[in-house]
Protein backbone atom coordinates (compact mmCIF):
# COMPACT_ATOMS: atom_id res chain seq x y z
CA MET A 1 -42.61 8.27 -27.15
CA GLU A 2 -43.84 9.40 -30.55
CA SER A 3 -42.84 7.21 -33.48
CA ARG A 4 -39.64 8.61 -34.98
CA ASN A 5 -36.96 7.22 -37.28
CA LEU A 6 -33.31 8.18 -37.40
CA VAL A 7 -32.55 8.77 -41.08
CA ILE A 8 -28.98 8.94 -42.40
CA VAL A 9 -28.44 10.57 -45.79
CA SER A 10 -25.07 10.28 -47.49
CA ASN A 11 -23.65 10.27 -50.99
CA ARG A 12 -23.18 6.48 -50.93
CA LEU A 13 -25.23 3.70 -49.41
CA PRO A 14 -23.34 1.52 -46.90
CA ILE A 15 -23.41 -1.51 -49.22
CA VAL A 16 -21.58 -2.53 -52.38
CA ILE A 17 -23.43 -4.48 -55.06
CA GLY A 18 -21.27 -6.52 -57.41
CA HIS A 19 -20.75 -9.94 -58.96
CA ASP A 20 -19.42 -12.99 -57.16
CA PRO A 21 -16.86 -15.31 -58.87
CA HIS A 22 -19.75 -17.15 -60.56
CA GLY A 23 -21.18 -13.99 -62.12
CA ASN A 24 -24.12 -13.69 -59.73
CA TRP A 25 -25.08 -10.44 -58.02
CA ASN A 26 -24.14 -10.19 -54.35
CA VAL A 27 -24.13 -7.62 -51.56
CA THR A 28 -21.18 -6.79 -49.32
CA PRO A 29 -20.79 -4.11 -46.62
CA GLY A 30 -19.23 -0.86 -47.77
CA SER A 31 -15.98 0.50 -46.38
CA GLY A 32 -14.97 3.91 -45.15
CA GLY A 33 -15.44 6.08 -42.11
CA LEU A 34 -19.18 6.65 -42.46
CA VAL A 35 -20.00 2.94 -42.58
CA THR A 36 -17.66 2.23 -39.67
CA ALA A 37 -19.24 5.04 -37.67
CA PHE A 38 -22.92 4.45 -38.24
CA SER A 39 -23.24 0.68 -38.70
CA PRO A 40 -23.21 -0.18 -34.96
CA VAL A 41 -25.30 2.88 -34.14
CA LEU A 42 -28.11 2.42 -36.63
CA ARG A 43 -28.45 -1.37 -36.46
CA ASN A 44 -31.93 -2.63 -35.56
CA ARG A 45 -33.23 0.80 -34.50
CA GLY A 46 -35.78 1.15 -37.27
CA GLY A 47 -33.41 3.50 -39.05
CA ILE A 48 -33.22 4.38 -42.73
CA TRP A 49 -30.14 5.06 -44.87
CA ILE A 50 -30.57 7.03 -48.10
CA GLY A 51 -27.79 7.15 -50.68
CA TRP A 52 -26.43 6.35 -54.13
CA LEU A 53 -25.42 2.79 -55.06
CA GLY A 54 -22.22 3.87 -56.80
CA GLY A 55 -23.06 3.18 -60.45
CA ALA A 56 -25.18 4.76 -63.17
CA GLY A 57 -28.78 3.64 -63.54
CA ASN A 58 -28.76 1.69 -60.26
CA ASN A 59 -25.86 -0.40 -61.57
CA GLY A 60 -27.98 -1.71 -64.45
CA LEU A 61 -30.13 -3.83 -62.15
CA SER A 62 -33.70 -4.71 -62.97
CA GLU A 63 -36.34 -3.53 -60.52
CA HIS A 64 -36.75 -7.05 -59.12
CA GLU A 65 -32.98 -7.58 -58.77
CA LEU A 66 -32.62 -4.24 -57.03
CA GLU A 67 -35.43 -4.96 -54.55
CA THR A 68 -34.01 -8.41 -53.76
CA LEU A 69 -30.48 -7.12 -53.17
CA LEU A 70 -31.65 -4.15 -51.09
CA ALA A 71 -33.75 -6.49 -48.94
CA LYS A 72 -30.69 -8.66 -48.35
CA GLY A 73 -28.59 -5.60 -47.56
CA ALA A 74 -31.21 -4.38 -45.11
CA ALA A 75 -31.44 -7.78 -43.41
CA ASP A 76 -27.67 -7.97 -43.03
CA SER A 77 -27.23 -4.38 -41.84
CA GLY A 78 -30.28 -4.02 -39.63
CA TYR A 79 -31.69 -0.84 -41.22
CA SER A 80 -33.72 0.07 -44.31
CA LEU A 81 -31.95 1.17 -47.50
CA LYS A 82 -33.28 3.71 -50.00
CA PRO A 83 -31.29 4.15 -53.22
CA VAL A 84 -31.00 7.41 -55.16
CA ASP A 85 -30.44 6.72 -58.85
CA LEU A 86 -27.87 8.89 -60.66
CA SER A 87 -27.14 9.13 -64.38
CA GLN A 88 -23.60 9.00 -65.75
CA GLU A 89 -23.70 12.75 -66.44
CA GLU A 90 -24.72 13.41 -62.83
CA ILE A 91 -21.93 11.18 -61.57
CA ASP A 92 -19.39 13.01 -63.74
CA LEU A 93 -20.49 16.56 -62.92
CA TYR A 94 -21.88 16.30 -59.37
CA TYR A 95 -19.57 13.65 -57.86
CA PHE A 96 -16.31 13.72 -59.80
CA GLY A 97 -16.84 17.35 -60.74
CA PHE A 98 -18.24 19.73 -58.12
CA SER A 99 -17.74 17.51 -55.08
CA ASN A 100 -14.25 16.20 -55.80
CA GLU A 101 -12.70 18.75 -58.15
CA ILE A 102 -13.91 21.82 -56.24
CA ILE A 103 -15.09 21.24 -52.67
CA TRP A 104 -12.66 18.47 -51.69
CA PRO A 105 -9.42 20.27 -52.67
CA LEU A 106 -10.66 23.72 -51.60
CA PHE A 107 -11.76 22.56 -48.14
CA HIS A 108 -8.39 20.80 -47.74
CA ASP A 109 -6.56 24.11 -48.39
CA LEU A 110 -5.44 23.08 -51.88
CA PRO A 111 -7.11 25.66 -54.16
CA SER A 112 -4.51 25.15 -56.90
CA ARG A 113 -6.04 21.70 -57.47
CA CYS A 114 -9.55 23.09 -57.99
CA ASN A 115 -11.33 23.07 -61.33
CA PHE A 116 -14.02 25.76 -61.02
CA ALA A 117 -15.95 24.57 -64.08
CA PRO A 118 -19.26 26.49 -64.25
CA ASP A 119 -21.25 23.54 -65.61
CA TYR A 120 -20.67 21.57 -62.38
CA TRP A 121 -22.85 23.80 -60.20
CA PRO A 122 -26.32 23.28 -61.78
CA VAL A 123 -25.86 19.50 -61.71
CA TYR A 124 -24.74 19.65 -58.07
CA GLN A 125 -27.98 21.55 -57.37
CA SER A 126 -30.13 19.08 -59.28
CA VAL A 127 -28.64 16.03 -57.53
CA ASN A 128 -29.17 17.65 -54.13
CA CYS A 129 -32.77 18.23 -55.25
CA LYS A 130 -33.02 14.54 -56.15
CA PHE A 131 -31.79 13.53 -52.66
CA ALA A 132 -34.32 15.92 -51.09
CA LYS A 133 -37.10 14.28 -53.09
CA ALA A 134 -35.98 10.84 -51.87
CA ILE A 135 -36.09 12.12 -48.29
CA SER A 136 -39.60 13.52 -48.70
CA GLU A 137 -40.83 10.22 -50.21
CA THR A 138 -39.21 8.04 -47.53
CA THR A 139 -39.69 9.98 -44.29
CA THR A 140 -42.32 11.80 -42.28
CA GLU A 141 -42.25 15.08 -40.36
CA LYS A 142 -41.63 13.10 -37.16
CA ASP A 143 -38.34 11.66 -38.41
CA PHE A 144 -34.94 13.22 -37.79
CA VAL A 145 -32.91 13.49 -40.99
CA TRP A 146 -29.15 13.62 -40.56
CA VAL A 147 -27.34 14.62 -43.77
CA GLN A 148 -23.67 13.73 -44.09
CA ASP A 149 -20.83 15.62 -45.73
CA TYR A 150 -19.90 17.97 -48.52
CA HIS A 151 -21.71 16.22 -51.38
CA LEU A 152 -25.12 17.25 -49.97
CA MET A 153 -24.79 20.77 -48.59
CA LEU A 154 -27.96 21.98 -50.36
CA VAL A 155 -30.40 19.28 -49.21
CA ALA A 156 -32.17 21.27 -46.46
CA GLN A 157 -32.68 24.21 -48.80
CA GLU A 158 -34.07 21.90 -51.50
CA LEU A 159 -36.49 20.34 -49.00
CA LYS A 160 -37.78 23.82 -48.15
CA LYS A 161 -38.24 24.59 -51.85
CA GLN A 162 -40.35 21.43 -52.15
CA ASN A 163 -42.44 22.55 -49.12
CA HIS A 164 -41.46 19.50 -47.07
CA GLU A 165 -40.87 20.30 -43.40
CA ARG A 166 -38.32 18.06 -41.73
CA LYS A 167 -36.03 18.39 -38.74
CA VAL A 168 -32.69 18.25 -40.55
CA GLY A 169 -29.11 18.23 -39.26
CA PHE A 170 -25.89 18.35 -41.23
CA PHE A 171 -22.41 17.10 -40.33
CA LEU A 172 -19.29 18.01 -42.29
CA HIS A 173 -16.71 15.22 -42.07
CA ILE A 174 -13.96 17.17 -43.86
CA PRO A 175 -12.39 20.44 -42.66
CA PHE A 176 -14.07 23.80 -43.22
CA PRO A 177 -11.58 26.27 -44.70
CA SER A 178 -10.55 29.67 -43.43
CA LEU A 179 -12.14 32.80 -44.90
CA ASP A 180 -9.31 33.59 -47.32
CA ILE A 181 -9.59 30.08 -48.84
CA PHE A 182 -13.40 29.98 -48.86
CA LEU A 183 -13.56 33.33 -50.67
CA LYS A 184 -12.11 31.65 -53.76
CA LEU A 185 -15.31 29.61 -54.20
CA PRO A 186 -17.48 31.25 -56.91
CA TRP A 187 -20.66 29.95 -55.23
CA ARG A 188 -19.62 31.01 -51.72
CA PHE A 189 -22.78 33.01 -50.91
CA LEU A 190 -25.10 30.28 -52.22
CA ILE A 191 -23.31 27.55 -50.25
CA LEU A 192 -23.42 29.52 -46.98
CA GLN A 193 -27.08 30.42 -47.41
CA ALA A 194 -27.94 26.77 -48.08
CA LEU A 195 -26.05 25.57 -45.01
CA MET A 196 -27.92 28.07 -42.85
CA GLU A 197 -31.18 26.28 -43.79
CA TYR A 198 -30.28 23.31 -41.57
CA ASP A 199 -31.52 23.13 -37.99
CA VAL A 200 -28.13 21.98 -36.69
CA LEU A 201 -24.69 22.24 -38.29
CA GLY A 202 -21.91 20.03 -36.96
CA PHE A 203 -18.16 20.33 -37.56
CA GLN A 204 -15.25 18.13 -36.53
CA THR A 205 -13.26 20.70 -34.53
CA MET A 206 -13.57 24.11 -32.93
CA ARG A 207 -11.24 25.45 -35.62
CA ASP A 208 -13.66 24.32 -38.35
CA ARG A 209 -16.57 25.88 -36.49
CA ARG A 210 -14.66 29.16 -36.04
CA ASN A 211 -13.79 29.22 -39.75
CA PHE A 212 -17.44 28.73 -40.69
CA ILE A 213 -18.68 31.41 -38.30
CA GLN A 214 -16.08 33.87 -39.60
CA CYS A 215 -17.29 33.22 -43.16
CA VAL A 216 -20.92 33.71 -42.12
CA ARG A 217 -20.20 36.96 -40.30
CA THR A 218 -18.22 38.32 -43.24
CA LEU A 219 -20.41 37.19 -46.14
CA LEU A 220 -23.92 37.09 -44.62
CA PRO A 221 -24.29 40.41 -42.78
CA GLY A 222 -27.87 39.62 -41.80
CA ALA A 223 -26.81 36.60 -39.75
CA ARG A 224 -26.57 36.77 -35.94
CA ILE A 225 -24.45 34.36 -33.92
CA SER A 226 -24.10 34.16 -30.13
CA GLY A 227 -22.61 31.82 -27.56
CA SER A 228 -19.06 30.99 -26.52
CA GLY A 229 -19.24 27.22 -25.84
CA THR A 230 -18.92 24.31 -28.23
CA VAL A 231 -22.43 25.03 -29.57
CA ALA A 232 -23.44 28.49 -30.79
CA ASP A 233 -26.92 29.83 -31.50
CA ALA A 234 -27.50 31.52 -34.83
CA SER A 235 -30.31 33.25 -36.68
CA PHE A 236 -30.65 34.11 -40.34
CA GLN A 237 -33.62 35.32 -42.39
CA ASP A 238 -36.18 34.81 -39.58
CA ARG A 239 -35.08 31.29 -38.68
CA SER A 240 -32.78 29.91 -36.00
CA LEU A 241 -30.22 27.13 -35.97
CA ARG A 242 -27.38 25.77 -33.85
CA ILE A 243 -23.74 25.44 -34.89
CA GLY A 244 -21.47 23.08 -32.97
CA ALA A 245 -18.18 21.20 -32.86
CA PHE A 246 -18.75 17.44 -32.52
CA PRO A 247 -15.47 15.49 -32.94
CA ILE A 248 -16.36 12.07 -34.31
CA GLY A 249 -15.24 8.94 -32.45
CA ILE A 250 -14.99 5.23 -33.18
CA ASP A 251 -16.56 2.10 -31.72
CA TYR A 252 -13.69 1.62 -29.26
CA GLN A 253 -14.97 -1.66 -27.87
CA GLN A 254 -15.27 -3.18 -31.33
CA PHE A 255 -11.61 -2.54 -32.19
CA SER A 256 -10.32 -3.42 -28.74
CA LYS A 257 -12.20 -6.70 -28.61
CA LEU A 258 -11.24 -7.64 -32.17
CA ALA A 259 -7.59 -7.05 -31.28
CA GLU A 260 -7.99 -9.61 -28.47
CA THR A 261 -9.31 -12.36 -30.74
CA LYS A 262 -7.23 -15.37 -31.69
CA GLU A 263 -7.59 -14.53 -35.40
CA ALA A 264 -6.12 -11.04 -35.00
CA SER A 265 -3.43 -12.28 -32.59
CA ASP A 266 -2.37 -15.04 -34.99
CA GLU A 267 -2.14 -12.63 -37.93
CA ALA A 268 -0.18 -10.14 -35.83
CA TRP A 269 2.27 -12.90 -34.86
CA ILE A 270 2.73 -13.89 -38.53
CA ILE A 271 3.46 -10.28 -39.52
CA HIS A 272 6.21 -9.91 -36.94
CA ALA A 273 7.55 -13.43 -37.55
CA ASN A 274 8.09 -12.50 -41.20
CA LEU A 275 9.77 -9.22 -40.19
CA PRO A 276 11.77 -10.25 -37.13
CA LYS A 277 14.08 -8.25 -34.86
CA ARG A 278 12.94 -4.83 -35.99
CA LYS A 279 10.39 -2.18 -35.13
CA LEU A 280 7.52 -1.80 -37.58
CA ILE A 281 6.21 1.60 -38.68
CA LEU A 282 2.70 1.66 -40.14
CA GLY A 283 0.94 4.03 -42.51
CA VAL A 284 -2.66 3.33 -43.61
CA ASP A 285 -4.35 5.71 -46.04
CA ARG A 286 -6.89 5.92 -48.80
CA LEU A 287 -5.24 6.92 -52.09
CA ASP A 288 -5.59 10.70 -51.98
CA TYR A 289 -3.28 13.69 -52.35
CA SER A 290 -4.52 15.14 -49.02
CA LYS A 291 -2.93 12.22 -47.13
CA GLY A 292 0.63 13.39 -47.75
CA ILE A 293 2.01 9.94 -48.63
CA PRO A 294 4.84 11.11 -50.97
CA ARG A 295 6.12 13.58 -48.35
CA ARG A 296 5.91 10.85 -45.70
CA LEU A 297 8.04 8.54 -47.84
CA ARG A 298 10.62 11.30 -48.29
CA ALA A 299 10.64 11.85 -44.52
CA PHE A 300 11.31 8.14 -43.95
CA GLU A 301 14.11 8.31 -46.51
CA ASN A 302 15.55 11.32 -44.67
CA ALA A 303 15.44 9.39 -41.39
CA LEU A 304 17.41 6.52 -42.94
CA GLU A 305 19.95 9.01 -44.31
CA ARG A 306 20.51 10.95 -41.09
CA TYR A 307 20.07 8.15 -38.54
CA PRO A 308 21.97 5.09 -39.82
CA GLU A 309 21.06 3.06 -36.70
CA LEU A 310 17.52 2.79 -38.11
CA ARG A 311 18.74 0.74 -41.06
CA ARG A 312 17.97 -2.98 -40.69
CA ASN A 313 16.17 -2.12 -37.43
CA VAL A 314 12.92 -0.67 -38.83
CA THR A 315 10.54 -1.54 -41.65
CA PHE A 316 7.95 0.91 -42.88
CA ILE A 317 4.69 -0.78 -43.91
CA GLN A 318 2.65 1.59 -46.10
CA VAL A 319 -0.90 0.42 -46.87
CA VAL A 320 -2.70 2.37 -49.59
CA VAL A 321 -6.38 1.61 -50.17
CA PRO A 322 -7.38 2.13 -53.84
CA SER A 323 -9.66 5.11 -54.45
CA ARG A 324 -10.85 6.95 -57.59
CA THR A 325 -8.30 5.08 -59.68
CA GLU A 326 -10.33 5.99 -62.78
CA VAL A 327 -9.28 9.63 -62.26
CA GLU A 328 -5.99 10.55 -63.98
CA GLU A 329 -4.75 12.61 -61.03
CA TYR A 330 -5.14 9.64 -58.69
CA ARG A 331 -3.44 7.28 -61.13
CA ALA A 332 -0.54 9.73 -61.31
CA LEU A 333 -0.39 9.85 -57.50
CA LYS A 334 -0.24 6.05 -57.35
CA GLN A 335 2.62 6.05 -59.84
CA GLN A 336 4.47 8.70 -57.83
CA ILE A 337 4.11 6.69 -54.59
CA GLU A 338 5.32 3.52 -56.28
CA ARG A 339 8.26 5.36 -57.83
CA TYR A 340 9.31 6.71 -54.44
CA VAL A 341 8.98 3.27 -52.82
CA GLY A 342 11.12 1.77 -55.57
CA GLU A 343 13.76 4.51 -55.29
CA ILE A 344 14.05 4.22 -51.50
CA ASN A 345 14.12 0.43 -51.52
CA GLY A 346 16.62 0.44 -54.36
CA ARG A 347 18.87 2.80 -52.45
CA PHE A 348 18.81 1.23 -48.97
CA THR A 349 17.88 -2.45 -49.32
CA GLU A 350 20.43 -4.89 -47.88
CA THR A 351 20.49 -8.67 -47.79
CA GLY A 352 17.68 -9.77 -45.49
CA TRP A 353 16.18 -6.27 -45.13
CA THR A 354 13.92 -4.14 -47.31
CA PRO A 355 13.08 -0.76 -45.77
CA ILE A 356 9.54 -0.35 -47.17
CA LEU A 357 6.78 -2.96 -47.50
CA TYR A 358 4.14 -1.46 -49.83
CA ILE A 359 0.58 -2.82 -49.93
CA PHE A 360 -1.93 -1.48 -52.48
CA ARG A 361 -5.26 -3.12 -51.68
CA PRO A 362 -8.02 -2.94 -49.08
CA LEU A 363 -7.47 -4.86 -45.85
CA ASN A 364 -10.29 -6.71 -44.14
CA ARG A 365 -11.02 -5.66 -40.57
CA THR A 366 -9.05 -8.51 -38.96
CA GLU A 367 -5.99 -7.85 -41.14
CA LEU A 368 -6.14 -4.15 -40.37
CA VAL A 369 -6.36 -4.69 -36.62
CA ALA A 370 -3.49 -7.19 -36.79
CA TYR A 371 -1.29 -4.51 -38.35
CA TYR A 372 -2.46 -1.99 -35.75
CA ARG A 373 -1.63 -4.39 -32.97
CA THR A 374 1.80 -5.49 -34.15
CA CYS A 375 3.30 -2.20 -35.41
CA GLU A 376 5.22 -0.27 -32.75
CA ILE A 377 4.87 3.10 -34.51
CA ALA A 378 1.99 4.60 -36.51
CA LEU A 379 2.96 7.36 -38.96
CA ILE A 380 -0.16 9.37 -39.78
CA THR A 381 0.74 12.61 -41.56
CA PRO A 382 -2.08 14.01 -43.70
CA LEU A 383 -1.60 17.48 -45.13
CA LYS A 384 -5.15 18.18 -43.94
CA ASP A 385 -7.85 15.89 -42.55
CA GLY A 386 -11.28 16.36 -41.03
CA MET A 387 -10.54 13.87 -38.25
CA ASN A 388 -8.55 10.75 -39.33
CA LEU A 389 -10.05 7.75 -37.60
CA VAL A 390 -7.04 5.55 -38.38
CA ALA A 391 -5.20 7.31 -35.55
CA LYS A 392 -7.96 6.39 -33.11
CA GLU A 393 -8.31 2.84 -34.43
CA TYR A 394 -4.56 2.28 -34.00
CA CYS A 395 -4.72 3.36 -30.36
CA ALA A 396 -7.84 1.31 -29.59
CA SER A 397 -6.13 -1.81 -31.00
CA ASN A 398 -2.87 -1.22 -29.08
CA LEU A 399 -3.63 -3.62 -26.21
CA GLU A 400 -0.13 -3.60 -24.72
CA GLU A 401 -0.16 0.22 -24.74
CA ASP A 402 3.41 0.38 -26.01
CA GLY A 403 2.83 1.89 -29.48
CA VAL A 404 3.84 5.40 -30.52
CA LEU A 405 1.54 7.60 -32.62
CA ILE A 406 3.18 10.21 -34.87
CA LEU A 407 0.38 12.54 -35.94
CA SER A 408 0.04 15.53 -38.25
CA GLU A 409 -0.84 18.85 -36.63
CA PHE A 410 -3.39 19.28 -39.43
CA ALA A 411 -5.47 16.19 -38.68
CA GLY A 412 -8.69 16.86 -36.78
CA ALA A 413 -7.66 14.15 -34.31
CA ALA A 414 -4.73 16.34 -33.23
CA ALA A 415 -6.98 18.43 -30.96
CA GLN A 416 -7.85 15.33 -28.91
CA LEU A 417 -4.59 13.36 -29.12
CA GLN A 418 -1.96 16.10 -28.99
CA HIS A 419 -0.90 15.27 -25.41
CA GLY A 420 -0.14 11.64 -26.22
CA ALA A 421 1.03 11.69 -29.84
CA LEU A 422 4.26 13.05 -31.29
CA MET A 423 2.95 16.03 -33.23
CA VAL A 424 4.56 16.90 -36.57
CA ASN A 425 4.21 19.32 -39.45
CA PRO A 426 3.86 17.03 -42.52
CA PHE A 427 5.48 19.69 -44.73
CA ASP A 428 8.64 19.53 -42.57
CA VAL A 429 10.49 16.49 -43.93
CA GLU A 430 13.32 16.69 -41.41
CA GLY A 431 10.89 17.28 -38.54
CA VAL A 432 8.96 14.10 -39.41
CA ALA A 433 12.27 12.21 -39.73
CA ASP A 434 13.27 13.44 -36.27
CA ALA A 435 9.92 12.21 -34.89
CA ILE A 436 10.56 8.75 -36.36
CA HIS A 437 13.96 8.72 -34.65
CA HIS A 438 12.38 9.91 -31.38
CA ALA A 439 9.68 7.23 -31.54
CA TYR A 440 12.27 4.52 -32.21
CA HIS A 441 14.29 5.43 -29.11
CA MET A 442 11.36 6.35 -26.82
CA PRO A 443 11.60 4.60 -23.42
CA THR A 444 8.95 2.00 -22.58
CA GLU A 445 7.55 4.03 -19.67
CA GLU A 446 6.97 7.08 -21.86
CA ARG A 447 5.39 5.03 -24.66
CA GLN A 448 2.96 3.42 -22.25
CA ALA A 449 2.05 6.66 -20.49
CA ARG A 450 1.34 8.41 -23.80
CA MET A 451 -0.67 5.53 -25.27
CA SER A 452 -2.66 4.95 -22.09
CA ARG A 453 -3.68 8.62 -22.05
CA MET A 454 -4.86 8.49 -25.67
CA ARG A 455 -6.75 5.21 -25.26
CA ARG A 456 -8.69 6.52 -22.26
CA SER A 457 -9.72 9.61 -24.21
CA ILE A 458 -10.74 7.62 -27.30
CA GLN A 459 -12.72 5.16 -25.19
CA GLN A 460 -14.57 7.96 -23.42
CA HIS A 461 -15.28 10.02 -26.55
CA ASN A 462 -16.57 7.12 -28.63
CA ILE A 463 -18.97 6.93 -31.57
CA PHE A 464 -22.04 6.52 -29.34
CA ARG A 465 -21.17 9.63 -27.38
CA TRP A 466 -20.69 11.53 -30.66
CA VAL A 467 -24.15 10.55 -31.91
CA ASN A 468 -25.75 11.30 -28.55
CA ASN A 469 -24.16 14.75 -28.36
CA PHE A 470 -25.42 15.65 -31.83
CA LEU A 471 -28.93 14.30 -31.22
CA LYS A 472 -29.24 16.12 -27.90
CA VAL A 473 -28.44 19.43 -29.57
CA ALA A 474 -30.64 18.67 -32.60
CA ILE A 475 -33.78 17.14 -31.10
CA ALA A 476 -33.16 16.95 -27.32
CA LYS A 477 -33.02 13.15 -27.58
CA ASP A 478 -30.32 10.47 -27.64
CA LEU A 479 -29.90 6.90 -28.82
CA ASN A 480 -32.03 5.55 -25.97
CA ASP A 481 -34.98 7.18 -27.73
CA PHE A 482 -34.29 4.89 -30.72
CA PRO A 483 -34.04 1.59 -28.80
CA PRO A 484 -32.47 -1.32 -30.70
CA ALA A 485 -34.53 -4.46 -30.96
CA GLU A 486 -31.60 -6.89 -30.73
CA TYR A 487 -28.59 -4.76 -29.87
CA TYR A 488 -27.46 -3.85 -26.36
CA LEU A 489 -25.91 -0.40 -26.09
CA PRO A 490 -23.81 0.04 -22.93
CA SER A 491 -23.89 3.41 -21.26
CA ASP A 492 -20.91 5.75 -21.42
CA THR A 493 -20.00 4.75 -17.86
CA GLU A 494 -20.04 1.03 -18.68
CA GLN A 495 -17.98 1.59 -21.81
CA VAL A 496 -15.33 3.45 -19.84
CA SER A 497 -15.15 0.83 -17.08
CA ASN A 498 -14.87 -2.16 -19.44
CA SER A 499 -11.39 -1.26 -20.73
């Protein structure tokens, strides 16, 4: 086989560089869905990850310090790391500005939250150009470059402008909006034209793919699209590309096996021992207005109002992972959540029982799986989500198969899990409250049948299958063509049989 690297390009590198308690620089693994998804896939395959370190001027590190820390990060992760340095102005206008004040809210169907500031666009272009330059300096024409998410939609176009030929795919982890929402974007034509420069475009769901194709057909009359399956063929300005739906999965075995460990079992026992004789409801979310946390709290309050038998018999554990707390809107959201928690607890708390346990901090992987394993109900109600891997992680960790998943209709995971989860409209407070009541009273046989169905699906459609499906469409290869030096990858059949 010809020499070829699998190159991941994302806004952030999968490591965090910071100070230890003694003031020395150290490296820790990053968090988030991308790191969770790609870490087991890319390890020891000769892969490269290109991204920003998260601070201005490479976090103020000297060249020697940066090289030393990147080498340690590469040794720990099993793949090479290439940083892209951003200035504070670029961070403000490209990341906080265009990416998170325009694209994020617009693509989550929240145009009223958008700030269409015209000075964001040229900096977004220039940063995408900077990423393209890093790709051209780090890779060869033989490599496959896989660009991730909405921060970097222009990278393929910028590579073409620099006369660097690469096989380049793009995957959008967030939803793609419908035509009427997308039309509000002032740079709609430029964004679509740039996306059509990729060789393969991947979306989370068929709905996202249909929305994109409708936008292309309406706004780019020269484009031609054919095919009725999950992958369509397209042509535009004398070049061809493929457009597909590739729902992302998780490393099922990793979560399932961690849930079996003594450490996770002991922590799960402690959680329930401290909250005895009641069913536990779990919410786990990054701090973001798209997650619908305030509405979820109001739905729980409504359930306590209308179904008094839930009082003293359930506790709602809401975990919120800090995110963008330097942004005023996110600080205000945190305050709103905490106010609601205080109001509900103040209204319903009785001696020996507090209805809501609120946690505002990241959980390590063992803690997270312990909560997944011990909580009888998961309440996952985003207003809009590309996929929502928490729903899948909860199911994978539910070894006894007796948990109930309450899931928003507007999460990408709904397409896969709708036949096992209790589906809800997160804007319907009483409907979510009714689902909580239903989950509380659901018979054991029904709980197990629903959870077993979801776990089988999640196990089958895992992260390795997701990567393989994308690579087969992009370059007619799969992960076996990037063999790991020290990592055994079971086949899909083996993964399914080792439940």
